[in-house]
Amino acid sequence: GSSEMGPLSLGELNGPDGWLELNLEGTGQNPLTRWWNSFTGRKPLDQMVRELILAEALAALGVPTTRGVAVVHGRPSESEDGEPCAVLLRAASTFLRFGSFEVTLAHGQHKRSASSPSDWQLLRRLADHCIENHYPEAMAVPNAAD
């Protein structure tokens, strides 16, 4: 999935079924690229096609999942075999994950460095966005600080 590849968010759009977030996976190295991807942030074409097909199969079975929109063939990888790479465009109601919040961890609090360490204002904005857009019923709970 996208959590290990440092996907890039394209933003949100309001479609007939509500808000959808779009992201690109396999675009290349960025601050969120994890070490087990050889630090390239790229993915093989066959893996991206497989991910698109599996996501659509799960959706057809009624399992809530991301939806594959398109796979675009990219330039060959920098690896010795030069296998073809691709970028996957995906859509979901959200791509927020636990890792989305980890970007604000203080230095040394996680096995990889955070891109916005100790940015508590960012953490608050991210939490507020998550609650307002995905758990609005939680907004009705009284705040303990009030």
Protein backbone atom coordinates (compact mmCIF):
# COMPACT_ATOMS: atom_id res chain seq x y z
CA GLY A 1 0.00 0.00 0.00
CA SER A 2 0.80 3.65 -0.12
CA SER A 3 2.01 4.01 3.43
CA GLU A 4 5.44 2.58 2.62
CA MET A 5 6.06 4.49 -0.59
CA GLY A 6 5.67 8.12 0.39
CA PRO A 7 2.65 8.86 -1.81
CA LEU A 8 1.92 12.37 -2.97
CA SER A 9 -1.48 13.85 -2.24
CA LEU A 10 -3.09 15.72 -5.13
CA GLY A 11 -5.90 17.07 -2.99
CA GLU A 12 -9.61 16.42 -2.68
CA LEU A 13 -12.58 16.71 -4.99
CA ASN A 14 -16.29 16.59 -4.38
CA GLY A 15 -17.76 13.80 -6.50
CA PRO A 16 -21.25 12.31 -6.79
CA ASP A 17 -20.54 9.99 -3.84
CA GLY A 18 -19.00 12.69 -1.64
CA TRP A 19 -15.47 13.88 -1.06
CA LEU A 20 -12.58 11.88 -2.50
CA GLU A 21 -8.89 12.35 -1.93
CA LEU A 22 -6.55 11.62 -4.83
CA ASN A 23 -2.96 10.49 -4.48
CA LEU A 24 -0.10 9.25 -6.60
CA GLU A 25 1.97 6.27 -5.56
CA GLY A 26 5.37 5.41 -7.00
CA THR A 27 6.37 8.92 -8.05
CA GLY A 28 9.91 8.80 -6.75
CA GLN A 29 11.91 9.67 -3.68
CA ASN A 30 10.48 12.18 -1.23
CA PRO A 31 10.83 12.80 2.54
CA LEU A 32 8.32 10.01 3.33
CA THR A 33 9.97 7.27 1.24
CA ARG A 34 10.76 4.31 3.46
CA TRP A 35 14.05 2.42 3.53
CA TRP A 36 12.71 -0.92 2.26
CA ASN A 37 12.00 0.60 -1.15
CA SER A 38 15.73 1.11 -1.74
CA PHE A 39 15.07 4.83 -1.19
CA THR A 40 13.86 5.28 -4.77
CA GLY A 41 10.14 5.72 -4.13
CA ARG A 42 9.52 3.93 -7.44
CA LYS A 43 7.45 0.78 -8.01
CA PRO A 44 7.56 -1.83 -10.78
CA LEU A 45 4.84 -1.67 -13.42
CA ASP A 46 3.59 -5.21 -12.68
CA GLN A 47 3.22 -4.43 -8.96
CA MET A 48 1.20 -1.29 -9.68
CA VAL A 49 -1.12 -3.10 -12.11
CA ARG A 50 -1.57 -5.87 -9.53
CA GLU A 51 -2.42 -3.30 -6.84
CA LEU A 52 -5.01 -1.65 -9.11
CA ILE A 53 -6.65 -5.00 -9.97
CA LEU A 54 -6.73 -6.19 -6.34
CA ALA A 55 -8.20 -2.91 -5.10
CA GLU A 56 -10.95 -3.09 -7.71
CA ALA A 57 -11.64 -6.76 -6.89
CA LEU A 58 -12.00 -5.89 -3.19
CA ALA A 59 -14.33 -3.01 -4.06
CA ALA A 60 -16.44 -5.33 -6.24
CA LEU A 61 -16.77 -7.67 -3.25
CA GLY A 62 -18.04 -4.78 -1.12
CA VAL A 63 -14.85 -4.37 0.93
CA PRO A 64 -14.13 -0.70 1.74
CA THR A 65 -10.82 0.08 0.06
CA THR A 66 -9.00 2.61 -2.05
CA ARG A 67 -9.99 2.69 -5.70
CA GLY A 68 -7.54 2.51 -8.54
CA VAL A 69 -8.06 5.22 -11.14
CA ALA A 70 -5.13 4.74 -13.52
CA VAL A 71 -1.66 3.26 -13.91
CA VAL A 72 0.81 5.23 -16.01
CA HIS A 73 3.93 3.54 -17.37
CA GLY A 74 7.06 5.45 -16.40
CA ARG A 75 10.73 5.43 -17.25
CA PRO A 76 12.81 2.34 -16.34
CA SER A 77 14.13 2.14 -12.80
CA GLU A 78 17.69 2.94 -11.86
CA SER A 79 18.19 -0.70 -10.80
CA GLU A 80 20.54 -3.01 -12.65
CA ASP A 81 17.73 -4.81 -14.47
CA GLY A 82 16.09 -1.54 -15.56
CA GLU A 83 12.60 -2.92 -15.02
CA PRO A 84 9.75 -0.62 -16.08
CA CYS A 85 8.21 1.48 -13.34
CA ALA A 86 4.78 3.04 -13.08
CA VAL A 87 2.73 5.56 -11.12
CA LEU A 88 -0.67 4.65 -9.68
CA LEU A 89 -3.43 7.24 -9.28
CA ARG A 90 -5.74 6.24 -6.44
CA ALA A 91 -8.91 7.63 -4.87
CA ALA A 92 -10.34 7.13 -1.38
CA SER A 93 -12.48 8.95 1.14
CA THR A 94 -9.18 9.55 2.97
CA PHE A 95 -5.57 8.47 2.95
CA LEU A 96 -5.06 9.49 6.58
CA ARG A 97 -3.19 6.74 8.42
CA PHE A 98 -1.35 6.50 11.72
CA GLY A 99 1.77 7.41 9.76
CA SER A 100 0.12 10.69 8.79
CA PHE A 101 0.37 11.74 12.43
CA GLU A 102 3.92 10.40 12.90
CA VAL A 103 5.35 13.30 10.89
CA THR A 104 5.02 15.42 14.05
CA LEU A 105 6.89 13.07 16.42
CA ALA A 106 9.84 14.55 18.24
CA HIS A 107 13.30 13.49 17.04
CA GLY A 108 14.16 10.02 18.30
CA GLN A 109 10.53 8.99 18.88
CA HIS A 110 10.32 6.81 15.76
CA LYS A 111 12.66 4.59 13.75
CA ARG A 112 12.75 7.17 10.95
CA SER A 113 13.07 10.91 11.19
CA ALA A 114 9.88 12.93 11.17
CA SER A 115 9.43 15.54 8.46
CA SER A 116 7.81 18.03 10.91
CA PRO A 117 9.24 17.11 14.33
CA SER A 118 7.43 18.49 17.37
CA ASP A 119 5.08 20.59 15.22
CA TRP A 120 2.17 20.45 17.64
CA GLN A 121 0.16 23.03 15.67
CA LEU A 122 0.34 20.76 12.62
CA LEU A 123 -0.70 17.79 14.76
CA ARG A 124 -3.69 19.75 16.08
CA ARG A 125 -4.73 20.86 12.54
CA LEU A 126 -4.42 17.29 11.25
CA ALA A 127 -6.44 15.89 14.17
CA ASP A 128 -9.10 18.59 13.76
CA HIS A 129 -9.32 17.88 10.00
CA CYS A 130 -9.68 14.15 10.68
CA ILE A 131 -12.42 14.65 13.27
CA GLU A 132 -14.35 17.29 11.31
CA ASN A 133 -14.32 15.36 8.04
CA HIS A 134 -14.42 11.72 9.10
CA TYR A 135 -15.81 11.58 12.66
CA PRO A 136 -18.09 14.65 13.01
CA GLU A 137 -20.08 12.90 15.75
CA ALA A 138 -16.99 13.22 17.96
CA MET A 139 -17.34 17.02 17.81
CA ALA A 140 -20.47 16.73 19.95
CA VAL A 141 -18.48 15.24 22.85
CA PRO A 142 -17.68 17.90 25.47
CA ASN A 143 -14.03 18.91 25.64
CA ALA A 144 -12.46 17.99 28.99
CA ALA A 145 -10.61 21.34 28.98
CA ASP A 146 -13.89 23.32 28.82
